[in-house]
Amino acid sequence: MPFTPSHVLAVLPGIGPRGSRRAALLLPSALVAGTVVPDITYYVPGVSIDHSLGMHTARGVVTTDLVVGLVLVALWLAVLRTPLLELAPDVVRSRVDPVPRPRTTRAWLALAAVAVVSVLLGAWSHVAWDELTHPGGLGAQHVPWIAQSHAGVAGSAWLQLVSSAVGLVGTAWWLEVRRRRTPPRVVRPPALPVRREVAWGVLAAACVVAVLGTAVVLGVGGARASGFVLLTGVMTAVAWTLVAACVAWWAWRATRGGAPRPGTRPDGHPQDAAL
């Protein structure tokens, strides 16, 4: 299958520049959540890959994908965004605009509607990409080259590899262009229990331990794990390590008193927005 993070490239055109109308019409975090949610069962420990959920089908997009995608958006906004922005380097923090917290029922409903539309667009882009590149998908059914074998490898597999690389490179290019075009603003020092460099080192060490533990569990030493299983296992270990770090940050803030609400900065002002 195409590399899950590569799917993000498909929705980046929907993220408008600062102050543009396009930037107000779609929610970046929901767009990104939609692009990855059909593959989410690959990255949740203890959850079998149950295709009966239909997360790669048209029905799944408007049911399972939508619900799980909205849960991911809520998790990002309530738990992950604030700590990760505190950990982020200033080159990132200084280019992320503050977004006011909705203060009325109408504003909350508008935000919910934008989130729903954004998740649906992201999920549709994922399913369409997979239909083009998966064996037996619409691409293989209508384009003979995709269904044929080339140098001993199916055309669909070649397409998956190439499109995955294009997705990663394209996303990196988009981020760099965005960085250059977005002027930095003054930001306060990060609210962390230790110096940011120390926090990065501790987090990196925790990720390494999690990855090594995953490798042992998957039996890499005995060559029993495929490349796909190893890759998804490593990504799962890193992702859940980051989640644990975010929870630990909130616990640290609570012990200091006056912990900020989700969506606010530690100084009480509206929280910085992020993808």
C-alpha atoms as a PDB file:
ATOM      1  CA  MET A   1       0.000   0.000   0.000  1.00  0.00           C
ATOM      2  CA  PRO A   2       1.174   3.634  -0.374  1.00  0.00           C
ATOM      3  CA  PHE A   3       3.034   4.918   2.690  1.00  0.00           C
ATOM      4  CA  THR A   4       0.393   6.373   5.016  1.00  0.00           C
ATOM      5  CA  PRO A   5       2.058   9.788   5.690  1.00  0.00           C
ATOM      6  CA  SER A   6       2.453  10.288   1.930  1.00  0.00           C
ATOM      7  CA  HIS A   7      -1.318  10.684   1.652  1.00  0.00           C
ATOM      8  CA  VAL A   8      -1.040  14.099   3.336  1.00  0.00           C
ATOM      9  CA  LEU A   9       0.212  15.603   0.057  1.00  0.00           C
ATOM     10  CA  ALA A  10      -3.237  15.193  -1.507  1.00  0.00           C
ATOM     11  CA  VAL A  11      -4.867  17.729   0.832  1.00  0.00           C
ATOM     12  CA  LEU A  12      -2.109  20.334   1.106  1.00  0.00           C
ATOM     13  CA  PRO A  13      -3.622  22.449  -1.713  1.00  0.00           C
ATOM     14  CA  GLY A  14      -6.648  22.872   0.560  1.00  0.00           C
ATOM     15  CA  ILE A  15      -4.565  24.615   3.228  1.00  0.00           C
ATOM     16  CA  GLY A  16      -4.544  28.241   2.184  1.00  0.00           C
ATOM     17  CA  PRO A  17      -1.937  30.871   3.085  1.00  0.00           C
ATOM     18  CA  ARG A  18      -2.295  33.063   6.151  1.00  0.00           C
ATOM     19  CA  GLY A  19      -5.384  35.269   6.006  1.00  0.00           C
ATOM     20  CA  SER A  20      -6.798  33.703   2.832  1.00  0.00           C
ATOM     21  CA  ARG A  21     -10.412  32.630   2.388  1.00  0.00           C
ATOM     22  CA  ARG A  22      -9.245  29.090   1.705  1.00  0.00           C
ATOM     23  CA  ALA A  23      -7.542  29.000   5.100  1.00  0.00           C
ATOM     24  CA  ALA A  24     -10.889  29.693   6.790  1.00  0.00           C
ATOM     25  CA  LEU A  25     -12.929  27.167   4.813  1.00  0.00           C
ATOM     26  CA  LEU A  26     -11.079  24.004   5.853  1.00  0.00           C
ATOM     27  CA  LEU A  27      -9.468  22.803   9.083  1.00  0.00           C
ATOM     28  CA  PRO A  28      -5.883  21.658   8.422  1.00  0.00           C
ATOM     29  CA  SER A  29      -5.761  19.184  11.313  1.00  0.00           C
ATOM     30  CA  ALA A  30      -9.012  17.588  10.122  1.00  0.00           C
ATOM     31  CA  LEU A  31      -7.779  17.377   6.531  1.00  0.00           C
ATOM     32  CA  VAL A  32      -4.633  15.586   7.672  1.00  0.00           C
ATOM     33  CA  ALA A  33      -6.590  13.304  10.022  1.00  0.00           C
ATOM     34  CA  GLY A  34      -8.832  12.317   7.136  1.00  0.00           C
ATOM     35  CA  THR A  35      -5.874  11.358   4.951  1.00  0.00           C
ATOM     36  CA  VAL A  36      -4.504   8.879   7.495  1.00  0.00           C
ATOM     37  CA  VAL A  37      -7.632   7.537   9.184  1.00  0.00           C
ATOM     38  CA  PRO A  38      -8.382   4.711   6.695  1.00  0.00           C
ATOM     39  CA  ASP A  39      -5.046   3.127   7.733  1.00  0.00           C
ATOM     40  CA  ILE A  40      -5.452   3.787  11.452  1.00  0.00           C
ATOM     41  CA  THR A  41      -5.930   0.137  12.422  1.00  0.00           C
ATOM     42  CA  TYR A  42      -2.368  -0.565  11.278  1.00  0.00           C
ATOM     43  CA  TYR A  43      -1.066   1.694  14.044  1.00  0.00           C
ATOM     44  CA  VAL A  44      -3.210   0.821  17.067  1.00  0.00           C
ATOM     45  CA  PRO A  45      -1.602  -1.903  19.219  1.00  0.00           C
ATOM     46  CA  GLY A  46      -3.822  -4.901  19.805  1.00  0.00           C
ATOM     47  CA  VAL A  47      -6.269  -4.006  17.032  1.00  0.00           C
ATOM     48  CA  SER A  48      -6.429  -6.506  14.204  1.00  0.00           C
ATOM     49  CA  ILE A  49      -6.665  -5.245  10.656  1.00  0.00           C
ATOM     50  CA  ASP A  50     -10.372  -5.913  10.174  1.00  0.00           C
ATOM     51  CA  HIS A  51     -11.368  -5.104   6.609  1.00  0.00           C
ATOM     52  CA  SER A  52     -15.014  -5.634   7.559  1.00  0.00           C
ATOM     53  CA  LEU A  53     -14.879  -2.088   8.944  1.00  0.00           C
ATOM     54  CA  GLY A  54     -14.792  -0.944   5.331  1.00  0.00           C
ATOM     55  CA  MET A  55     -12.448   1.947   6.067  1.00  0.00           C
ATOM     56  CA  HIS A  56     -11.243   1.919   2.451  1.00  0.00           C
ATOM     57  CA  THR A  57     -14.736   2.008   0.943  1.00  0.00           C
ATOM     58  CA  ALA A  58     -17.175   4.762   0.045  1.00  0.00           C
ATOM     59  CA  ARG A  59     -19.457   3.635   2.877  1.00  0.00           C
ATOM     60  CA  GLY A  60     -16.571   3.613   5.313  1.00  0.00           C
ATOM     61  CA  VAL A  61     -15.565   7.166   4.409  1.00  0.00           C
ATOM     62  CA  VAL A  62     -18.914   8.599   5.535  1.00  0.00           C
ATOM     63  CA  THR A  63     -19.246   6.317   8.576  1.00  0.00           C
ATOM     64  CA  THR A  64     -16.236   4.732  10.279  1.00  0.00           C
ATOM     65  CA  ASP A  65     -13.623   7.044   8.764  1.00  0.00           C
ATOM     66  CA  LEU A  66     -15.621  10.145   9.630  1.00  0.00           C
ATOM     67  CA  VAL A  67     -16.203   9.144  13.250  1.00  0.00           C
ATOM     68  CA  VAL A  68     -12.633   7.997  13.889  1.00  0.00           C
ATOM     69  CA  GLY A  69     -11.255  11.025  12.049  1.00  0.00           C
ATOM     70  CA  LEU A  70     -13.221  13.404  14.265  1.00  0.00           C
ATOM     71  CA  VAL A  71     -11.928  11.548  17.327  1.00  0.00           C
ATOM     72  CA  LEU A  72      -8.370  12.066  16.053  1.00  0.00           C
ATOM     73  CA  VAL A  73      -9.037  15.770  15.551  1.00  0.00           C
ATOM     74  CA  ALA A  74     -10.405  16.072  19.088  1.00  0.00           C
ATOM     75  CA  LEU A  75      -7.370  14.202  20.444  1.00  0.00           C
ATOM     76  CA  TRP A  76      -5.053  16.540  18.570  1.00  0.00           C
ATOM     77  CA  LEU A  77      -6.775  19.703  19.736  1.00  0.00           C
ATOM     78  CA  ALA A  78      -7.323  18.653  23.348  1.00  0.00           C
ATOM     79  CA  VAL A  79      -4.200  16.629  24.172  1.00  0.00           C
ATOM     80  CA  LEU A  80      -1.432  16.720  21.589  1.00  0.00           C
ATOM     81  CA  ARG A  81      -1.237  20.158  20.008  1.00  0.00           C
ATOM     82  CA  THR A  82      -0.205  22.246  23.001  1.00  0.00           C
ATOM     83  CA  PRO A  83       2.669  20.018  24.245  1.00  0.00           C
ATOM     84  CA  LEU A  84       4.015  19.356  20.760  1.00  0.00           C
ATOM     85  CA  LEU A  85       4.073  23.066  19.987  1.00  0.00           C
ATOM     86  CA  GLU A  86       5.977  23.662  23.211  1.00  0.00           C
ATOM     87  CA  LEU A  87       8.529  21.077  22.062  1.00  0.00           C
ATOM     88  CA  ALA A  88       8.708  22.391  18.504  1.00  0.00           C
ATOM     89  CA  PRO A  89      11.672  24.556  17.452  1.00  0.00           C
ATOM     90  CA  ASP A  90      11.079  28.292  17.228  1.00  0.00           C
ATOM     91  CA  VAL A  91      11.228  28.177  13.432  1.00  0.00           C
ATOM     92  CA  VAL A  92       7.935  26.268  13.640  1.00  0.00           C
ATOM     93  CA  ARG A  93       6.355  27.984  16.643  1.00  0.00           C
ATOM     94  CA  SER A  94       6.956  31.448  15.225  1.00  0.00           C
ATOM     95  CA  ARG A  95       5.085  30.598  12.031  1.00  0.00           C
ATOM     96  CA  VAL A  96       1.972  29.056  13.563  1.00  0.00           C
ATOM     97  CA  ASP A  97      -0.831  31.571  13.875  1.00  0.00           C
ATOM     98  CA  PRO A  98      -2.968  31.967  17.003  1.00  0.00           C
ATOM     99  CA  VAL A  99      -6.554  30.847  16.508  1.00  0.00           C
ATOM    100  CA  PRO A 100      -9.267  32.210  18.813  1.00  0.00           C
ATOM    101  CA  ARG A 101     -11.292  29.677  20.751  1.00  0.00           C
ATOM    102  CA  PRO A 102     -14.971  29.586  19.653  1.00  0.00           C
ATOM    103  CA  ARG A 103     -17.035  31.509  22.183  1.00  0.00           C
ATOM    104  CA  THR A 104     -20.597  30.918  20.992  1.00  0.00           C
ATOM    105  CA  THR A 105     -22.712  27.896  20.131  1.00  0.00           C
ATOM    106  CA  ARG A 106     -22.908  29.079  16.539  1.00  0.00           C
ATOM    107  CA  ALA A 107     -19.127  29.313  16.314  1.00  0.00           C
ATOM    108  CA  TRP A 108     -18.733  25.795  17.730  1.00  0.00           C
ATOM    109  CA  LEU A 109     -21.271  24.430  15.230  1.00  0.00           C
ATOM    110  CA  ALA A 110     -19.451  26.158  12.386  1.00  0.00           C
ATOM    111  CA  LEU A 111     -16.150  24.653  13.538  1.00  0.00           C
ATOM    112  CA  ALA A 112     -17.754  21.199  13.748  1.00  0.00           C
ATOM    113  CA  ALA A 113     -19.154  21.530  10.225  1.00  0.00           C
ATOM    114  CA  VAL A 114     -15.760  22.578   8.863  1.00  0.00           C
ATOM    115  CA  ALA A 115     -14.138  19.639  10.672  1.00  0.00           C
ATOM    116  CA  VAL A 116     -16.635  17.166   9.184  1.00  0.00           C
ATOM    117  CA  VAL A 117     -16.124  18.442   5.641  1.00  0.00           C
ATOM    118  CA  SER A 118     -12.347  18.446   6.076  1.00  0.00           C
ATOM    119  CA  VAL A 119     -12.208  14.873   7.413  1.00  0.00           C
ATOM    120  CA  LEU A 120     -14.421  13.659   4.563  1.00  0.00           C
ATOM    121  CA  LEU A 121     -12.233  15.335   1.930  1.00  0.00           C
ATOM    122  CA  GLY A 122      -9.099  13.854   3.456  1.00  0.00           C
ATOM    123  CA  ALA A 123     -10.567  10.359   3.676  1.00  0.00           C
ATOM    124  CA  TRP A 124     -11.885  10.511   0.115  1.00  0.00           C
ATOM    125  CA  SER A 125      -8.431  11.490  -1.148  1.00  0.00           C
ATOM    126  CA  HIS A 126      -6.911   8.481   0.653  1.00  0.00           C
ATOM    127  CA  VAL A 127      -9.439   6.018  -0.753  1.00  0.00           C
ATOM    128  CA  ALA A 128      -9.075   7.440  -4.275  1.00  0.00           C
ATOM    129  CA  TRP A 129      -5.267   7.186  -4.086  1.00  0.00           C
ATOM    130  CA  ASP A 130      -5.508   3.573  -2.934  1.00  0.00           C
ATOM    131  CA  GLU A 131      -8.039   2.693  -5.640  1.00  0.00           C
ATOM    132  CA  LEU A 132      -5.537   3.891  -8.213  1.00  0.00           C
ATOM    133  CA  THR A 133      -2.568   1.983  -6.786  1.00  0.00           C
ATOM    134  CA  HIS A 134      -3.954  -1.186  -5.173  1.00  0.00           C
ATOM    135  CA  PRO A 135      -4.060  -4.519  -7.038  1.00  0.00           C
ATOM    136  CA  GLY A 136      -7.611  -5.086  -8.231  1.00  0.00           C
ATOM    137  CA  GLY A 137      -8.518  -1.432  -7.731  1.00  0.00           C
ATOM    138  CA  LEU A 138     -10.049   0.862 -10.318  1.00  0.00           C
ATOM    139  CA  GLY A 139      -6.606   1.779 -11.610  1.00  0.00           C
ATOM    140  CA  ALA A 140      -5.670  -1.844 -12.325  1.00  0.00           C
ATOM    141  CA  GLN A 141      -9.082  -2.475 -13.873  1.00  0.00           C
ATOM    142  CA  HIS A 142      -8.876   0.384 -16.357  1.00  0.00           C
ATOM    143  CA  VAL A 143      -5.138   0.879 -16.947  1.00  0.00           C
ATOM    144  CA  PRO A 144      -3.458  -2.315 -18.227  1.00  0.00           C
ATOM    145  CA  TRP A 145       0.047  -1.160 -17.233  1.00  0.00           C
ATOM    146  CA  ILE A 146      -0.956  -1.104 -13.553  1.00  0.00           C
ATOM    147  CA  ALA A 147      -2.211  -4.682 -13.669  1.00  0.00           C
ATOM    148  CA  GLN A 148       0.804  -5.998 -15.594  1.00  0.00           C
ATOM    149  CA  SER A 149       4.178  -7.097 -14.232  1.00  0.00           C
ATOM    150  CA  HIS A 150       7.309  -5.057 -14.950  1.00  0.00           C
ATOM    151  CA  ALA A 151      10.783  -6.407 -14.115  1.00  0.00           C
ATOM    152  CA  GLY A 152       9.084  -9.024 -11.981  1.00  0.00           C
ATOM    153  CA  VAL A 153       7.124  -6.447  -9.993  1.00  0.00           C
ATOM    154  CA  ALA A 154       3.447  -5.623 -10.454  1.00  0.00           C
ATOM    155  CA  GLY A 155       2.688  -2.225 -11.922  1.00  0.00           C
ATOM    156  CA  SER A 156       0.516  -1.474  -8.902  1.00  0.00           C
ATOM    157  CA  ALA A 157       3.508  -2.082  -6.608  1.00  0.00           C
ATOM    158  CA  TRP A 158       5.677   0.249  -8.706  1.00  0.00           C
ATOM    159  CA  LEU A 159       2.947   2.863  -8.543  1.00  0.00           C
ATOM    160  CA  GLN A 160       2.697   2.492  -4.781  1.00  0.00           C
ATOM    161  CA  LEU A 161       6.446   2.943  -4.333  1.00  0.00           C
ATOM    162  CA  VAL A 162       6.717   5.927  -6.665  1.00  0.00           C
ATOM    163  CA  SER A 163       3.605   7.664  -5.330  1.00  0.00           C
ATOM    164  CA  SER A 164       4.800   7.132  -1.751  1.00  0.00           C
ATOM    165  CA  ALA A 165       8.111   8.810  -2.577  1.00  0.00           C
ATOM    166  CA  VAL A 166       6.356  11.640  -4.408  1.00  0.00           C
ATOM    167  CA  GLY A 167       4.049  12.123  -1.429  1.00  0.00           C
ATOM    168  CA  LEU A 168       6.906  12.412   1.062  1.00  0.00           C
ATOM    169  CA  VAL A 169       9.062  14.669  -1.116  1.00  0.00           C
ATOM    170  CA  GLY A 170       6.076  16.797  -2.098  1.00  0.00           C
ATOM    171  CA  THR A 171       5.025  17.265   1.519  1.00  0.00           C
ATOM    172  CA  ALA A 172       8.559  18.245   2.542  1.00  0.00           C
ATOM    173  CA  TRP A 173       8.721  20.728  -0.339  1.00  0.00           C
ATOM    174  CA  TRP A 174       5.339  22.228   0.623  1.00  0.00           C
ATOM    175  CA  LEU A 175       6.456  22.683   4.230  1.00  0.00           C
ATOM    176  CA  GLU A 176       9.660  24.405   3.153  1.00  0.00           C
ATOM    177  CA  VAL A 177       7.795  26.749   0.805  1.00  0.00           C
ATOM    178  CA  ARG A 178       5.318  27.497   3.585  1.00  0.00           C
ATOM    179  CA  ARG A 179       8.178  28.285   5.956  1.00  0.00           C
ATOM    180  CA  ARG A 180       9.777  30.707   3.524  1.00  0.00           C
ATOM    181  CA  ARG A 181       6.532  32.516   2.716  1.00  0.00           C
ATOM    182  CA  THR A 182       5.308  32.847   6.309  1.00  0.00           C
ATOM    183  CA  PRO A 183       7.038  35.646   8.229  1.00  0.00           C
ATOM    184  CA  PRO A 184       7.986  34.677  11.791  1.00  0.00           C
ATOM    185  CA  ARG A 185       6.445  36.359  14.811  1.00  0.00           C
ATOM    186  CA  VAL A 186       7.771  36.844  18.308  1.00  0.00           C
ATOM    187  CA  VAL A 187       7.074  33.865  20.580  1.00  0.00           C
ATOM    188  CA  ARG A 188       7.518  33.402  24.304  1.00  0.00           C
ATOM    189  CA  PRO A 189       9.945  30.808  25.727  1.00  0.00           C
ATOM    190  CA  PRO A 190       8.517  27.270  25.692  1.00  0.00           C
ATOM    191  CA  ALA A 191       6.789  26.008  28.823  1.00  0.00           C
ATOM    192  CA  LEU A 192       8.758  22.834  29.575  1.00  0.00           C
ATOM    193  CA  PRO A 193      10.017  21.202  32.788  1.00  0.00           C
ATOM    194  CA  VAL A 194      13.577  21.143  31.406  1.00  0.00           C
ATOM    195  CA  ARG A 195      15.521  22.857  28.640  1.00  0.00           C
ATOM    196  CA  ARG A 196      14.068  22.056  25.252  1.00  0.00           C
ATOM    197  CA  GLU A 197      17.264  20.337  24.093  1.00  0.00           C
ATOM    198  CA  VAL A 198      17.114  18.057  27.131  1.00  0.00           C
ATOM    199  CA  ALA A 199      13.462  17.303  26.446  1.00  0.00           C
ATOM    200  CA  TRP A 200      14.329  16.423  22.852  1.00  0.00           C
ATOM    201  CA  GLY A 201      17.078  14.069  24.041  1.00  0.00           C
ATOM    202  CA  VAL A 202      14.816  12.320  26.545  1.00  0.00           C
ATOM    203  CA  LEU A 203      12.059  11.966  23.963  1.00  0.00           C
ATOM    204  CA  ALA A 204      14.475  10.632  21.335  1.00  0.00           C
ATOM    205  CA  ALA A 205      15.831   8.069  23.810  1.00  0.00           C
ATOM    206  CA  ALA A 206      12.294   6.992  24.694  1.00  0.00           C
ATOM    207  CA  CYS A 207      11.482   6.564  21.000  1.00  0.00           C
ATOM    208  CA  VAL A 208      14.609   4.443  20.484  1.00  0.00           C
ATOM    209  CA  VAL A 209      13.669   2.210  23.410  1.00  0.00           C
ATOM    210  CA  ALA A 210      10.120   1.877  22.083  1.00  0.00           C
ATOM    211  CA  VAL A 211      11.366   1.017  18.599  1.00  0.00           C
ATOM    212  CA  LEU A 212      13.829  -1.585  19.904  1.00  0.00           C
ATOM    213  CA  GLY A 213      11.105  -3.110  22.034  1.00  0.00           C
ATOM    214  CA  THR A 214       8.840  -3.277  19.009  1.00  0.00           C
ATOM    215  CA  ALA A 215      11.584  -4.954  16.975  1.00  0.00           C
ATOM    216  CA  VAL A 216      12.031  -7.608  19.658  1.00  0.00           C
ATOM    217  CA  VAL A 217       8.296  -8.253  19.901  1.00  0.00           C
ATOM    218  CA  LEU A 218       7.979  -8.581  16.138  1.00  0.00           C
ATOM    219  CA  GLY A 219      10.865 -11.036  16.039  1.00  0.00           C
ATOM    220  CA  VAL A 220      13.050  -9.090  13.651  1.00  0.00           C
ATOM    221  CA  GLY A 221      16.065 -11.022  14.832  1.00  0.00           C
ATOM    222  CA  GLY A 222      14.500 -14.150  13.423  1.00  0.00           C
ATOM    223  CA  ALA A 223      13.501 -12.413  10.199  1.00  0.00           C
ATOM    224  CA  ARG A 224       9.880 -13.246  10.951  1.00  0.00           C
ATOM    225  CA  ALA A 225       8.584  -9.727  10.384  1.00  0.00           C
ATOM    226  CA  SER A 226       7.998  -8.331   6.910  1.00  0.00           C
ATOM    227  CA  GLY A 227       9.186  -4.868   6.001  1.00  0.00           C
ATOM    228  CA  PHE A 228       5.609  -3.612   6.158  1.00  0.00           C
ATOM    229  CA  VAL A 229       5.032  -5.009   9.651  1.00  0.00           C
ATOM    230  CA  LEU A 230       8.358  -3.606  10.853  1.00  0.00           C
ATOM    231  CA  LEU A 231       7.683  -0.146   9.424  1.00  0.00           C
ATOM    232  CA  THR A 232       4.179   0.121  10.846  1.00  0.00           C
ATOM    233  CA  GLY A 233       5.446  -1.239  14.158  1.00  0.00           C
ATOM    234  CA  VAL A 234       8.180   1.396  14.359  1.00  0.00           C
ATOM    235  CA  MET A 235       5.746   4.181  13.467  1.00  0.00           C
ATOM    236  CA  THR A 236       3.312   2.907  16.082  1.00  0.00           C
ATOM    237  CA  ALA A 237       6.016   2.881  18.756  1.00  0.00           C
ATOM    238  CA  VAL A 238       7.088   6.448  17.970  1.00  0.00           C
ATOM    239  CA  ALA A 239       3.509   7.744  17.784  1.00  0.00           C
ATOM    240  CA  TRP A 240       2.475   6.279  21.126  1.00  0.00           C
ATOM    241  CA  THR A 241       5.693   7.519  22.728  1.00  0.00           C
ATOM    242  CA  LEU A 242       4.745  11.034  21.631  1.00  0.00           C
ATOM    243  CA  VAL A 243       1.239  10.572  23.034  1.00  0.00           C
ATOM    244  CA  ALA A 244       2.721   9.457  26.368  1.00  0.00           C
ATOM    245  CA  ALA A 245       5.034  12.488  26.369  1.00  0.00           C
ATOM    246  CA  CYS A 246       2.071  14.805  25.789  1.00  0.00           C
ATOM    247  CA  VAL A 247       0.129  13.230  28.664  1.00  0.00           C
ATOM    248  CA  ALA A 248       3.208  13.627  30.881  1.00  0.00           C
ATOM    249  CA  TRP A 249       3.414  17.310  29.913  1.00  0.00           C
ATOM    250  CA  TRP A 250      -0.187  17.905  30.965  1.00  0.00           C
ATOM    251  CA  ALA A 251       0.488  16.106  34.258  1.00  0.00           C
ATOM    252  CA  TRP A 252       3.510  18.350  34.827  1.00  0.00           C
ATOM    253  CA  ARG A 253       1.444  21.448  34.108  1.00  0.00           C
ATOM    254  CA  ALA A 254      -1.218  20.269  36.553  1.00  0.00           C
ATOM    255  CA  THR A 255       1.341  19.921  39.356  1.00  0.00           C
ATOM    256  CA  ARG A 256       2.408  23.523  38.783  1.00  0.00           C
ATOM    257  CA  GLY A 257      -1.157  24.767  39.203  1.00  0.00           C
ATOM    258  CA  GLY A 258      -3.078  26.887  36.756  1.00  0.00           C
ATOM    259  CA  ALA A 259      -2.782  24.330  33.991  1.00  0.00           C
ATOM    260  CA  PRO A 260      -4.083  25.802  30.729  1.00  0.00           C
ATOM    261  CA  ARG A 261      -7.280  24.537  29.209  1.00  0.00           C
ATOM    262  CA  PRO A 262      -6.950  22.667  25.923  1.00  0.00           C
ATOM    263  CA  GLY A 263      -6.878  25.338  23.258  1.00  0.00           C
ATOM    264  CA  THR A 264      -5.113  27.934  25.415  1.00  0.00           C
ATOM    265  CA  ARG A 265      -1.469  28.738  25.985  1.00  0.00           C
ATOM    266  CA  PRO A 266       0.043  28.390  29.451  1.00  0.00           C
ATOM    267  CA  ASP A 267      -0.286  32.182  29.800  1.00  0.00           C
ATOM    268  CA  GLY A 268      -4.034  31.932  29.210  1.00  0.00           C
ATOM    269  CA  HIS A 269      -4.149  33.389  25.699  1.00  0.00           C
ATOM    270  CA  PRO A 270      -5.637  31.515  22.707  1.00  0.00           C
ATOM    271  CA  GLN A 271      -3.470  28.579  21.752  1.00  0.00           C
ATOM    272  CA  ASP A 272      -1.347  28.585  18.642  1.00  0.00           C
ATOM    273  CA  ALA A 273      -2.930  26.723  15.780  1.00  0.00           C
ATOM    274  CA  ALA A 274      -1.178  23.894  14.024  1.00  0.00           C
ATOM    275  CA  LEU A 275      -1.803  21.244  11.450  1.00  0.00           C
END
